[in-house]
N, C-alpha and C. Protein backbone atom coordinates (compact mmCIF):
# COMPACT_ATOMS: atom_id res chain seq x y z
N UNK A 1 115.59 105.34 85.35
CA UNK A 1 116.07 106.48 86.11
C UNK A 1 117.52 106.79 85.80
N UNK A 2 118.22 105.81 85.24
CA UNK A 2 119.62 106.05 84.92
C UNK A 2 119.73 107.18 83.90
N UNK A 3 120.65 108.07 84.14
CA UNK A 3 120.86 109.17 83.22
C UNK A 3 120.07 110.41 83.58
N UNK A 4 119.04 110.26 84.41
CA UNK A 4 118.30 111.44 84.85
C UNK A 4 119.13 112.18 85.90
N UNK A 5 119.05 113.49 85.85
CA UNK A 5 119.78 114.31 86.81
C UNK A 5 118.76 114.95 87.75
N UNK A 6 118.47 114.23 88.81
CA UNK A 6 117.50 114.72 89.75
C UNK A 6 118.15 115.69 90.73
N UNK A 7 117.37 116.62 91.28
CA UNK A 7 117.93 117.58 92.23
C UNK A 7 118.39 116.88 93.50
N UNK A 8 119.50 117.31 94.00
CA UNK A 8 120.03 116.74 95.23
C UNK A 8 119.35 117.36 96.45
N UNK A 9 119.08 116.54 97.43
CA UNK A 9 118.56 117.04 98.69
C UNK A 9 119.69 117.75 99.44
N UNK A 10 119.36 118.85 100.09
CA UNK A 10 120.37 119.64 100.79
C UNK A 10 121.19 118.76 101.74
N UNK A 11 122.49 118.99 101.77
CA UNK A 11 123.39 118.14 102.54
C UNK A 11 123.10 118.22 104.04
N UNK A 12 122.54 119.34 104.49
CA UNK A 12 122.27 119.49 105.92
C UNK A 12 121.00 118.75 106.35
N UNK A 13 120.18 118.35 105.38
CA UNK A 13 118.86 117.82 105.70
C UNK A 13 118.92 116.33 106.03
N UNK A 14 118.45 115.99 107.20
CA UNK A 14 118.33 114.60 107.61
C UNK A 14 116.87 114.17 107.42
N UNK A 15 116.60 113.21 106.54
CA UNK A 15 115.21 112.85 106.25
C UNK A 15 114.41 112.51 107.51
N UNK A 16 113.12 112.83 107.44
CA UNK A 16 112.22 112.57 108.56
C UNK A 16 111.73 111.14 108.56
N UNK A 17 112.05 110.38 107.51
CA UNK A 17 111.54 109.03 107.37
C UNK A 17 112.69 108.04 107.23
N UNK A 18 112.40 106.75 107.30
CA UNK A 18 113.41 105.76 106.92
C UNK A 18 113.64 105.85 105.41
N UNK A 19 114.62 105.11 104.87
CA UNK A 19 114.75 105.03 103.42
C UNK A 19 113.45 104.52 102.81
N UNK A 20 113.23 104.89 101.56
CA UNK A 20 111.97 104.53 100.88
C UNK A 20 111.64 103.04 101.01
N UNK A 21 112.63 102.17 100.80
CA UNK A 21 112.34 100.74 100.81
C UNK A 21 112.10 100.19 102.21
N UNK A 22 112.31 101.02 103.24
CA UNK A 22 112.03 100.60 104.61
C UNK A 22 110.73 101.19 105.15
N UNK A 23 110.06 101.99 104.34
CA UNK A 23 108.79 102.59 104.76
C UNK A 23 107.65 101.58 104.61
N UNK A 24 106.62 101.74 105.42
CA UNK A 24 105.40 100.95 105.25
C UNK A 24 104.76 101.37 103.94
N UNK A 25 104.51 100.39 103.06
CA UNK A 25 103.99 100.73 101.74
C UNK A 25 103.08 99.62 101.21
N UNK A 26 101.92 100.04 100.73
CA UNK A 26 101.01 99.15 100.00
C UNK A 26 100.58 99.88 98.74
N UNK A 27 100.75 99.27 97.58
CA UNK A 27 100.40 99.90 96.32
C UNK A 27 98.93 100.28 96.28
N UNK A 28 98.67 101.54 95.86
CA UNK A 28 97.31 102.08 95.70
C UNK A 28 96.63 102.43 97.03
N UNK A 29 97.38 102.43 98.11
CA UNK A 29 96.85 102.87 99.40
C UNK A 29 97.69 104.05 99.91
N UNK A 30 97.84 105.07 99.05
CA UNK A 30 98.74 106.18 99.39
C UNK A 30 98.30 106.91 100.65
N UNK A 31 96.98 106.99 100.90
CA UNK A 31 96.51 107.69 102.10
C UNK A 31 96.97 106.97 103.36
N UNK A 32 97.02 105.64 103.34
CA UNK A 32 97.48 104.89 104.50
C UNK A 32 99.00 104.90 104.59
N UNK A 33 99.68 104.85 103.46
CA UNK A 33 101.14 104.94 103.47
C UNK A 33 101.60 106.24 104.15
N UNK A 34 100.94 107.34 103.81
CA UNK A 34 101.32 108.63 104.40
C UNK A 34 100.89 108.70 105.86
N UNK A 35 99.76 108.10 106.21
CA UNK A 35 99.35 108.04 107.62
C UNK A 35 100.42 107.31 108.43
N UNK A 36 100.92 106.21 107.91
CA UNK A 36 101.96 105.45 108.59
C UNK A 36 103.26 106.25 108.69
N UNK A 37 103.54 107.05 107.66
CA UNK A 37 104.73 107.89 107.70
C UNK A 37 104.59 108.97 108.77
N UNK A 38 103.41 109.56 108.86
CA UNK A 38 103.16 110.54 109.93
C UNK A 38 103.32 109.89 111.30
N UNK A 39 102.83 108.68 111.43
CA UNK A 39 102.94 107.95 112.70
C UNK A 39 104.41 107.70 113.05
N UNK A 40 105.20 107.35 112.05
CA UNK A 40 106.63 107.14 112.27
C UNK A 40 107.30 108.42 112.76
N UNK A 41 107.01 109.53 112.10
CA UNK A 41 107.62 110.81 112.49
C UNK A 41 107.22 111.17 113.92
N UNK A 42 105.98 110.87 114.28
CA UNK A 42 105.50 111.16 115.63
C UNK A 42 106.31 110.41 116.68
N UNK A 43 106.78 109.21 116.35
CA UNK A 43 107.50 108.40 117.33
C UNK A 43 108.99 108.74 117.41
N UNK A 44 109.48 109.56 116.47
CA UNK A 44 110.88 109.94 116.45
C UNK A 44 111.06 111.33 117.07
N UNK A 45 112.28 111.64 117.42
CA UNK A 45 112.57 112.96 118.01
C UNK A 45 113.28 113.89 117.02
N UNK A 46 113.36 113.47 115.77
CA UNK A 46 114.17 114.23 114.81
C UNK A 46 113.53 115.57 114.45
N UNK A 47 112.22 115.56 114.17
CA UNK A 47 111.51 116.79 113.79
C UNK A 47 110.18 116.85 114.52
N UNK A 48 109.72 118.06 114.85
CA UNK A 48 108.39 118.19 115.45
C UNK A 48 107.32 117.77 114.45
N UNK A 49 106.32 117.06 114.91
CA UNK A 49 105.24 116.64 114.03
C UNK A 49 104.53 117.86 113.44
N UNK A 50 104.56 118.98 114.14
CA UNK A 50 103.87 120.19 113.67
C UNK A 50 104.47 120.75 112.37
N UNK A 51 105.68 120.29 112.01
CA UNK A 51 106.29 120.74 110.76
C UNK A 51 105.81 119.93 109.56
N UNK A 52 104.98 118.90 109.80
CA UNK A 52 104.62 117.96 108.73
C UNK A 52 103.12 118.01 108.42
N UNK A 53 102.82 117.74 107.15
CA UNK A 53 101.44 117.80 106.66
C UNK A 53 101.18 116.65 105.70
N UNK A 54 99.97 116.11 105.76
CA UNK A 54 99.48 115.21 104.71
C UNK A 54 98.84 116.08 103.64
N UNK A 55 99.20 115.83 102.39
CA UNK A 55 98.68 116.64 101.28
C UNK A 55 97.90 115.73 100.33
N UNK A 56 96.58 115.93 100.28
CA UNK A 56 95.72 115.22 99.34
C UNK A 56 95.62 116.05 98.06
N UNK A 57 95.83 115.41 96.93
CA UNK A 57 95.80 116.08 95.64
C UNK A 57 94.66 115.48 94.83
N UNK A 58 93.72 116.30 94.42
CA UNK A 58 92.60 115.82 93.63
C UNK A 58 91.93 117.03 92.98
N UNK A 59 90.72 116.86 92.48
CA UNK A 59 89.90 117.97 92.01
C UNK A 59 88.45 117.49 91.95
N UNK A 60 87.57 118.36 91.47
CA UNK A 60 86.15 118.04 91.49
C UNK A 60 85.83 116.82 90.63
N UNK A 61 86.58 116.60 89.57
CA UNK A 61 86.33 115.47 88.66
C UNK A 61 87.13 114.23 89.05
N UNK A 62 87.97 114.35 90.06
CA UNK A 62 88.85 113.25 90.48
C UNK A 62 89.66 112.72 89.30
N UNK A 63 90.27 113.65 88.58
CA UNK A 63 91.15 113.33 87.45
C UNK A 63 92.31 114.31 87.46
N UNK A 64 93.46 113.86 87.96
CA UNK A 64 94.60 114.77 88.09
C UNK A 64 95.86 114.14 87.50
N UNK A 65 96.60 114.89 86.68
CA UNK A 65 97.86 114.39 86.15
C UNK A 65 99.02 114.67 87.10
N UNK A 66 99.84 113.66 87.32
CA UNK A 66 101.09 113.83 88.07
C UNK A 66 102.19 113.11 87.28
N UNK A 67 103.26 113.81 87.06
CA UNK A 67 104.38 113.25 86.33
C UNK A 67 105.39 112.60 87.29
N UNK A 68 106.35 111.90 86.69
CA UNK A 68 107.46 111.27 87.44
C UNK A 68 106.95 110.24 88.45
N UNK A 69 105.94 109.48 88.04
CA UNK A 69 105.39 108.43 88.89
C UNK A 69 105.90 107.07 88.42
N UNK A 70 106.14 106.19 89.38
CA UNK A 70 106.63 104.85 89.05
C UNK A 70 105.63 104.09 88.18
N UNK A 71 104.35 104.41 88.30
CA UNK A 71 103.33 103.70 87.53
C UNK A 71 103.33 104.07 86.05
N UNK A 72 104.09 105.10 85.67
CA UNK A 72 104.12 105.56 84.28
C UNK A 72 105.55 105.83 83.86
N UNK A 73 106.27 104.81 83.39
CA UNK A 73 107.63 105.04 82.90
C UNK A 73 107.62 106.01 81.72
N UNK A 74 108.68 106.77 81.59
CA UNK A 74 108.75 107.73 80.50
C UNK A 74 108.29 109.10 80.93
N UNK A 75 107.90 109.91 79.94
CA UNK A 75 107.64 111.33 80.23
C UNK A 75 106.18 111.65 80.44
N UNK A 76 105.30 110.68 80.30
CA UNK A 76 103.87 110.98 80.43
C UNK A 76 103.42 110.99 81.87
N UNK A 77 102.28 111.63 82.14
CA UNK A 77 101.75 111.66 83.51
C UNK A 77 100.87 110.45 83.80
N UNK A 78 100.70 110.17 85.07
CA UNK A 78 99.64 109.27 85.53
C UNK A 78 98.42 110.12 85.83
N UNK A 79 97.25 109.65 85.43
CA UNK A 79 96.01 110.35 85.80
C UNK A 79 95.42 109.62 87.00
N UNK A 80 95.62 110.21 88.18
CA UNK A 80 95.09 109.63 89.42
C UNK A 80 93.71 110.22 89.71
N UNK A 81 92.88 109.50 90.46
CA UNK A 81 91.68 110.12 91.01
C UNK A 81 92.06 110.99 92.20
N UNK A 82 93.06 110.54 92.94
CA UNK A 82 93.65 111.36 94.00
C UNK A 82 95.02 110.78 94.31
N UNK A 83 95.83 111.57 94.95
CA UNK A 83 97.14 111.10 95.40
C UNK A 83 97.44 111.79 96.72
N UNK A 84 98.30 111.17 97.53
CA UNK A 84 98.65 111.73 98.83
C UNK A 84 100.16 111.70 99.00
N UNK A 85 100.71 112.82 99.45
CA UNK A 85 102.14 112.92 99.76
C UNK A 85 102.28 113.55 101.13
N UNK A 86 103.50 113.50 101.66
CA UNK A 86 103.79 114.18 102.92
C UNK A 86 104.64 115.41 102.63
N UNK A 87 104.31 116.50 103.27
CA UNK A 87 105.06 117.75 103.16
C UNK A 87 105.73 118.05 104.49
N UNK A 88 107.05 118.25 104.44
CA UNK A 88 107.79 118.67 105.64
C UNK A 88 108.28 120.10 105.43
N UNK A 89 107.77 121.00 106.23
CA UNK A 89 108.19 122.40 106.18
C UNK A 89 109.27 122.58 107.23
N UNK A 90 110.50 122.49 106.81
CA UNK A 90 111.62 122.52 107.74
C UNK A 90 111.76 123.89 108.39
N UNK A 91 112.14 123.89 109.66
CA UNK A 91 112.37 125.15 110.37
C UNK A 91 113.55 125.92 109.79
N UNK A 92 114.35 125.26 108.94
CA UNK A 92 115.49 125.93 108.32
C UNK A 92 115.11 126.60 107.00
N UNK A 93 113.82 126.61 106.70
CA UNK A 93 113.36 127.43 105.59
C UNK A 93 113.17 126.74 104.27
N UNK A 94 113.39 125.43 104.20
CA UNK A 94 113.14 124.71 102.96
C UNK A 94 112.15 123.59 103.22
N UNK A 95 111.27 123.38 102.24
CA UNK A 95 110.26 122.34 102.36
C UNK A 95 110.65 121.13 101.51
N UNK A 96 110.16 119.96 101.92
CA UNK A 96 110.45 118.72 101.22
C UNK A 96 109.18 117.90 101.04
N UNK A 97 109.08 117.22 99.89
CA UNK A 97 107.96 116.33 99.61
C UNK A 97 108.42 114.88 99.71
N UNK A 98 107.61 114.07 100.41
CA UNK A 98 107.82 112.63 100.50
C UNK A 98 106.71 111.96 99.70
N UNK A 99 107.06 111.37 98.57
CA UNK A 99 106.11 110.68 97.71
C UNK A 99 106.64 109.27 97.48
N UNK A 100 105.96 108.29 98.03
CA UNK A 100 106.42 106.91 97.93
C UNK A 100 106.18 106.30 96.56
N UNK A 101 105.51 107.04 95.67
CA UNK A 101 105.21 106.52 94.33
C UNK A 101 105.96 107.25 93.23
N UNK A 102 106.88 108.11 93.57
CA UNK A 102 107.60 108.88 92.57
C UNK A 102 108.93 108.22 92.21
N UNK A 103 109.47 108.61 91.04
CA UNK A 103 110.84 108.23 90.69
C UNK A 103 111.82 109.32 91.08
N UNK A 104 111.30 110.42 91.59
CA UNK A 104 112.15 111.51 92.09
C UNK A 104 112.77 111.09 93.42
N UNK A 105 113.75 111.84 93.90
CA UNK A 105 114.37 111.50 95.19
C UNK A 105 113.33 111.45 96.31
N UNK A 106 113.65 110.70 97.33
CA UNK A 106 112.79 110.54 98.50
C UNK A 106 113.62 110.84 99.74
N UNK A 107 113.41 112.01 100.37
CA UNK A 107 112.50 113.09 99.99
C UNK A 107 113.06 113.93 98.84
N UNK A 108 112.19 114.79 98.30
CA UNK A 108 112.58 115.68 97.20
C UNK A 108 112.35 117.12 97.61
N UNK A 109 113.29 118.03 97.35
CA UNK A 109 113.05 119.44 97.64
C UNK A 109 111.74 119.91 97.01
N UNK A 110 110.99 120.68 97.74
CA UNK A 110 109.64 121.09 97.33
C UNK A 110 109.61 121.68 95.93
N UNK A 111 110.47 122.67 95.68
CA UNK A 111 110.41 123.37 94.40
C UNK A 111 110.74 122.44 93.24
N UNK A 112 111.68 121.53 93.44
CA UNK A 112 112.04 120.58 92.39
C UNK A 112 110.89 119.60 92.15
N UNK A 113 110.24 119.16 93.22
CA UNK A 113 109.12 118.23 93.06
C UNK A 113 107.99 118.90 92.29
N UNK A 114 107.66 120.13 92.66
CA UNK A 114 106.58 120.84 91.97
C UNK A 114 106.89 120.97 90.49
N UNK A 115 108.11 121.35 90.17
CA UNK A 115 108.50 121.54 88.78
C UNK A 115 108.43 120.24 87.99
N UNK A 116 108.89 119.16 88.59
CA UNK A 116 108.96 117.88 87.88
C UNK A 116 107.62 117.13 87.87
N UNK A 117 106.92 117.14 88.99
CA UNK A 117 105.73 116.29 89.14
C UNK A 117 104.42 117.01 88.81
N UNK A 118 104.33 118.30 89.12
CA UNK A 118 103.10 119.05 88.88
C UNK A 118 103.19 119.93 87.64
N UNK A 119 104.42 120.36 87.34
CA UNK A 119 104.65 121.24 86.19
C UNK A 119 103.80 122.50 86.34
N UNK A 120 102.97 122.82 85.36
CA UNK A 120 102.23 124.09 85.42
C UNK A 120 100.77 123.86 85.05
N UNK A 121 99.89 124.69 85.59
CA UNK A 121 98.48 124.65 85.19
C UNK A 121 98.26 125.30 83.82
N UNK A 122 99.23 126.05 83.35
CA UNK A 122 99.03 126.82 82.12
C UNK A 122 98.75 125.93 80.92
N UNK A 123 99.36 124.74 80.90
CA UNK A 123 99.22 123.85 79.76
C UNK A 123 98.24 122.70 80.02
N UNK A 124 97.48 122.81 81.09
CA UNK A 124 96.55 121.75 81.47
C UNK A 124 95.12 122.25 81.31
N UNK A 125 94.28 121.44 80.70
CA UNK A 125 92.87 121.79 80.57
C UNK A 125 92.28 122.01 81.96
N UNK A 126 91.43 123.03 82.12
CA UNK A 126 90.91 123.37 83.46
C UNK A 126 90.33 122.19 84.23
N UNK A 127 89.72 121.21 83.53
CA UNK A 127 89.10 120.10 84.25
C UNK A 127 90.13 119.17 84.91
N UNK A 128 91.39 119.30 84.50
CA UNK A 128 92.44 118.46 85.08
C UNK A 128 93.32 119.21 86.09
N UNK A 129 93.04 120.46 86.34
CA UNK A 129 93.91 121.22 87.25
C UNK A 129 93.79 120.70 88.67
N UNK A 130 94.94 120.62 89.32
CA UNK A 130 95.03 120.01 90.64
C UNK A 130 94.66 120.98 91.75
N UNK A 131 94.04 120.45 92.79
CA UNK A 131 93.85 121.18 94.04
C UNK A 131 94.49 120.37 95.16
N UNK A 132 94.75 121.05 96.28
CA UNK A 132 95.56 120.46 97.35
C UNK A 132 94.89 120.71 98.70
N UNK A 133 94.55 119.63 99.38
CA UNK A 133 94.08 119.74 100.76
C UNK A 133 95.25 119.44 101.68
N UNK A 134 95.66 120.43 102.43
CA UNK A 134 96.83 120.33 103.29
C UNK A 134 96.37 120.20 104.74
N UNK A 135 96.68 119.05 105.35
CA UNK A 135 96.20 118.73 106.68
C UNK A 135 97.40 118.51 107.61
N UNK A 136 97.40 119.18 108.73
CA UNK A 136 98.49 118.97 109.69
C UNK A 136 98.59 117.51 110.07
N UNK A 137 99.81 117.01 110.20
CA UNK A 137 100.02 115.59 110.46
C UNK A 137 99.35 115.15 111.75
N UNK A 138 99.38 115.97 112.78
CA UNK A 138 98.75 115.57 114.05
C UNK A 138 97.23 115.45 113.88
N UNK A 139 96.65 116.34 113.09
CA UNK A 139 95.22 116.27 112.82
C UNK A 139 94.89 115.05 111.97
N UNK A 140 95.76 114.74 111.01
CA UNK A 140 95.56 113.57 110.15
C UNK A 140 95.57 112.29 110.97
N UNK A 141 96.54 112.17 111.87
CA UNK A 141 96.62 110.98 112.71
C UNK A 141 95.39 110.85 113.63
N UNK A 142 94.87 111.98 114.04
CA UNK A 142 93.74 111.97 114.98
C UNK A 142 92.41 111.66 114.29
N UNK A 143 92.23 112.16 113.05
CA UNK A 143 90.89 112.14 112.45
C UNK A 143 90.70 111.16 111.30
N UNK A 144 91.76 110.76 110.59
CA UNK A 144 91.59 109.94 109.40
C UNK A 144 91.11 108.53 109.74
N UNK A 145 90.18 108.02 108.92
CA UNK A 145 89.69 106.65 109.07
C UNK A 145 89.34 106.08 107.70
N UNK A 146 89.65 104.80 107.50
CA UNK A 146 89.31 104.15 106.24
C UNK A 146 89.01 102.67 106.48
N UNK A 147 87.85 102.24 105.98
CA UNK A 147 87.52 100.81 106.04
C UNK A 147 87.91 100.09 104.75
N UNK A 148 88.56 100.85 103.83
CA UNK A 148 89.09 100.32 102.56
C UNK A 148 88.00 99.86 101.60
N UNK A 149 86.76 100.24 101.85
CA UNK A 149 85.65 99.81 100.98
C UNK A 149 85.79 100.37 99.56
N UNK A 150 86.49 101.49 99.42
CA UNK A 150 86.68 102.08 98.09
C UNK A 150 87.57 101.21 97.20
N UNK A 151 88.26 100.25 97.80
CA UNK A 151 89.16 99.39 97.04
C UNK A 151 88.54 98.03 96.72
N UNK A 152 87.21 97.91 96.89
CA UNK A 152 86.51 96.68 96.53
C UNK A 152 85.63 96.92 95.31
N UNK A 153 85.54 95.92 94.45
CA UNK A 153 84.66 96.02 93.28
C UNK A 153 83.23 95.68 93.70
N UNK A 154 82.27 95.82 92.77
CA UNK A 154 80.87 95.56 93.14
C UNK A 154 80.62 94.16 93.69
N UNK A 155 81.49 93.23 93.38
CA UNK A 155 81.33 91.86 93.90
C UNK A 155 82.00 91.66 95.25
N UNK A 156 82.65 92.72 95.75
CA UNK A 156 83.30 92.63 97.04
C UNK A 156 84.73 92.13 96.99
N UNK A 157 85.28 92.00 95.79
CA UNK A 157 86.67 91.57 95.65
C UNK A 157 87.61 92.76 95.69
N UNK A 158 88.80 92.53 96.23
CA UNK A 158 89.79 93.61 96.32
C UNK A 158 90.32 93.98 94.93
N UNK A 159 90.33 95.27 94.64
CA UNK A 159 90.97 95.74 93.40
C UNK A 159 92.48 95.67 93.52
N UNK A 160 92.98 95.92 94.72
CA UNK A 160 94.40 95.78 95.04
C UNK A 160 94.48 95.15 96.43
N UNK A 161 95.46 94.29 96.68
CA UNK A 161 95.57 93.66 98.00
C UNK A 161 95.66 94.71 99.11
N UNK A 162 94.91 94.54 100.19
CA UNK A 162 94.93 95.52 101.27
C UNK A 162 96.21 95.43 102.10
N UNK A 163 96.54 96.49 102.82
CA UNK A 163 97.69 96.43 103.73
C UNK A 163 97.50 95.32 104.76
N UNK A 164 98.60 94.81 105.32
CA UNK A 164 98.52 93.66 106.22
C UNK A 164 98.08 94.03 107.64
N UNK A 165 98.04 95.30 107.97
CA UNK A 165 97.65 95.72 109.32
C UNK A 165 96.16 96.08 109.35
N UNK A 166 95.56 96.19 110.54
CA UNK A 166 94.12 96.49 110.63
C UNK A 166 93.77 97.84 110.02
N UNK A 167 92.50 97.99 109.65
CA UNK A 167 92.02 99.27 109.13
C UNK A 167 92.24 100.38 110.16
N UNK A 168 92.50 101.58 109.65
CA UNK A 168 92.68 102.74 110.52
C UNK A 168 91.31 103.33 110.84
N UNK A 169 91.00 103.47 112.10
CA UNK A 169 89.72 104.06 112.49
C UNK A 169 89.90 104.91 113.73
N UNK A 170 88.91 105.75 113.99
CA UNK A 170 88.92 106.61 115.17
C UNK A 170 87.70 106.28 116.02
N UNK A 171 87.60 106.93 117.17
CA UNK A 171 86.43 106.72 118.00
C UNK A 171 85.15 107.23 117.36
N UNK A 172 85.29 108.14 116.39
CA UNK A 172 84.13 108.75 115.75
C UNK A 172 83.80 108.18 114.38
N UNK A 173 84.75 107.51 113.76
CA UNK A 173 84.53 107.13 112.37
C UNK A 173 85.31 105.87 111.98
N UNK A 174 84.70 105.10 111.08
CA UNK A 174 85.40 103.99 110.45
C UNK A 174 85.75 104.30 109.00
N UNK A 175 85.14 105.37 108.43
CA UNK A 175 85.40 105.71 107.04
C UNK A 175 85.07 107.18 106.77
N UNK A 176 86.10 107.98 106.58
CA UNK A 176 85.88 109.39 106.21
C UNK A 176 86.84 109.82 105.10
N UNK A 177 87.36 108.87 104.34
CA UNK A 177 88.32 109.18 103.30
C UNK A 177 87.80 110.22 102.32
N UNK A 178 86.51 110.16 101.99
CA UNK A 178 85.95 111.10 101.02
C UNK A 178 86.06 112.55 101.50
N UNK A 179 86.03 112.76 102.81
CA UNK A 179 86.17 114.13 103.33
C UNK A 179 87.57 114.67 103.09
N UNK A 180 88.56 113.80 103.02
CA UNK A 180 89.93 114.23 102.75
C UNK A 180 90.16 114.41 101.25
N UNK A 181 89.56 113.54 100.44
CA UNK A 181 89.71 113.66 99.00
C UNK A 181 88.96 114.87 98.47
N UNK A 182 87.84 115.21 99.10
CA UNK A 182 87.03 116.34 98.65
C UNK A 182 87.86 117.63 98.64
N UNK A 183 87.67 118.42 97.59
CA UNK A 183 88.34 119.72 97.51
C UNK A 183 87.38 120.87 97.82
N UNK A 184 86.27 120.52 98.48
CA UNK A 184 85.34 121.52 98.99
C UNK A 184 85.89 122.04 100.31
N UNK A 185 86.28 123.31 100.39
CA UNK A 185 86.88 123.83 101.63
C UNK A 185 85.93 123.83 102.82
N UNK A 186 84.63 123.64 102.57
CA UNK A 186 83.66 123.60 103.66
C UNK A 186 83.59 122.23 104.32
N UNK A 187 84.30 121.26 103.75
CA UNK A 187 84.25 119.87 104.23
C UNK A 187 85.59 119.48 104.81
N UNK A 188 85.56 118.68 105.86
CA UNK A 188 86.79 118.02 106.31
C UNK A 188 87.77 118.91 107.05
N UNK A 189 89.04 118.52 106.98
CA UNK A 189 90.09 119.13 107.78
C UNK A 189 91.11 119.81 106.86
N UNK A 190 91.87 120.73 107.44
CA UNK A 190 92.94 121.38 106.70
C UNK A 190 92.44 122.52 105.83
N UNK A 191 93.33 122.97 104.93
CA UNK A 191 93.03 124.07 104.02
C UNK A 191 93.20 123.59 102.59
N UNK A 192 92.38 124.12 101.68
CA UNK A 192 92.41 123.72 100.27
C UNK A 192 93.03 124.84 99.44
N UNK A 193 93.99 124.47 98.57
CA UNK A 193 94.71 125.43 97.75
C UNK A 193 94.64 125.04 96.28
N UNK A 194 94.73 126.04 95.39
CA UNK A 194 95.06 125.78 94.01
C UNK A 194 96.56 125.52 93.93
N UNK A 195 97.04 125.10 92.76
CA UNK A 195 98.48 124.87 92.61
C UNK A 195 99.27 126.14 92.88
N UNK A 196 98.85 127.25 92.32
CA UNK A 196 99.61 128.50 92.52
C UNK A 196 99.58 128.92 93.98
N UNK A 197 98.46 128.74 94.65
CA UNK A 197 98.38 129.07 96.07
C UNK A 197 99.26 128.15 96.91
N UNK A 198 99.26 126.88 96.56
CA UNK A 198 100.08 125.89 97.27
C UNK A 198 101.56 126.23 97.14
N UNK A 199 101.99 126.54 95.93
CA UNK A 199 103.39 126.91 95.71
C UNK A 199 103.73 128.19 96.44
N UNK A 200 102.85 129.18 96.37
CA UNK A 200 103.12 130.45 97.04
C UNK A 200 103.24 130.27 98.54
N UNK A 201 102.43 129.35 99.09
CA UNK A 201 102.43 129.15 100.54
C UNK A 201 103.67 128.42 101.03
N UNK A 202 104.18 127.46 100.25
CA UNK A 202 105.23 126.59 100.78
C UNK A 202 106.57 126.64 100.07
N UNK A 203 106.66 127.36 98.94
CA UNK A 203 107.92 127.41 98.21
C UNK A 203 108.98 128.21 98.96
N UNK A 204 110.22 127.69 98.97
CA UNK A 204 111.32 128.43 99.58
C UNK A 204 111.67 129.66 98.76
N UNK A 205 111.25 129.69 97.50
CA UNK A 205 111.53 130.85 96.64
C UNK A 205 110.77 132.09 97.07
N UNK A 206 109.77 131.88 97.91
CA UNK A 206 108.94 133.01 98.35
C UNK A 206 109.38 133.57 99.69
N UNK A 207 110.46 132.99 100.27
CA UNK A 207 110.94 133.48 101.56
C UNK A 207 111.61 134.84 101.39
């Protein structure tokens, strides 16, 4: 990261989260990391929870490139099956992305994150183009559930060590992660966008 000139977060902006190294984090459990971040914001008085969203990034083939990820040093992208970040739409007119797996600032101004991490669909084969399920943080906290079964191999062994806290579940479900990863707008919660729609909806450049 030395020598990179990352965009500075606006001086007036007070992050909605603790510093990155103080956040709840388990590698390869981005959906739970963001759920915990939403929970933290809910317990604080700094920003209304209604300004925050969980953003699931995937597509029909579950193959999406994201650049500037810690898992891929250098200029190449990581090809994730899905990824999850937090979006804060500030009442002051600028949005910020919280990505616990990026080398970009935490948080990062929305437009800078899009430019650095998503780049453009123009140079990406259609099968790799990203879609975005944007779910209000309060709805995410209420409805998301995961028994972590997707992180076990056929023999029942963990592919990655699970988080140290109990599985997240609701009164209605112990596992609905696939409904959040799905980019079928008829399924699950929130709204599904293409990259251009996502940028048009949340970019400060469109104000």
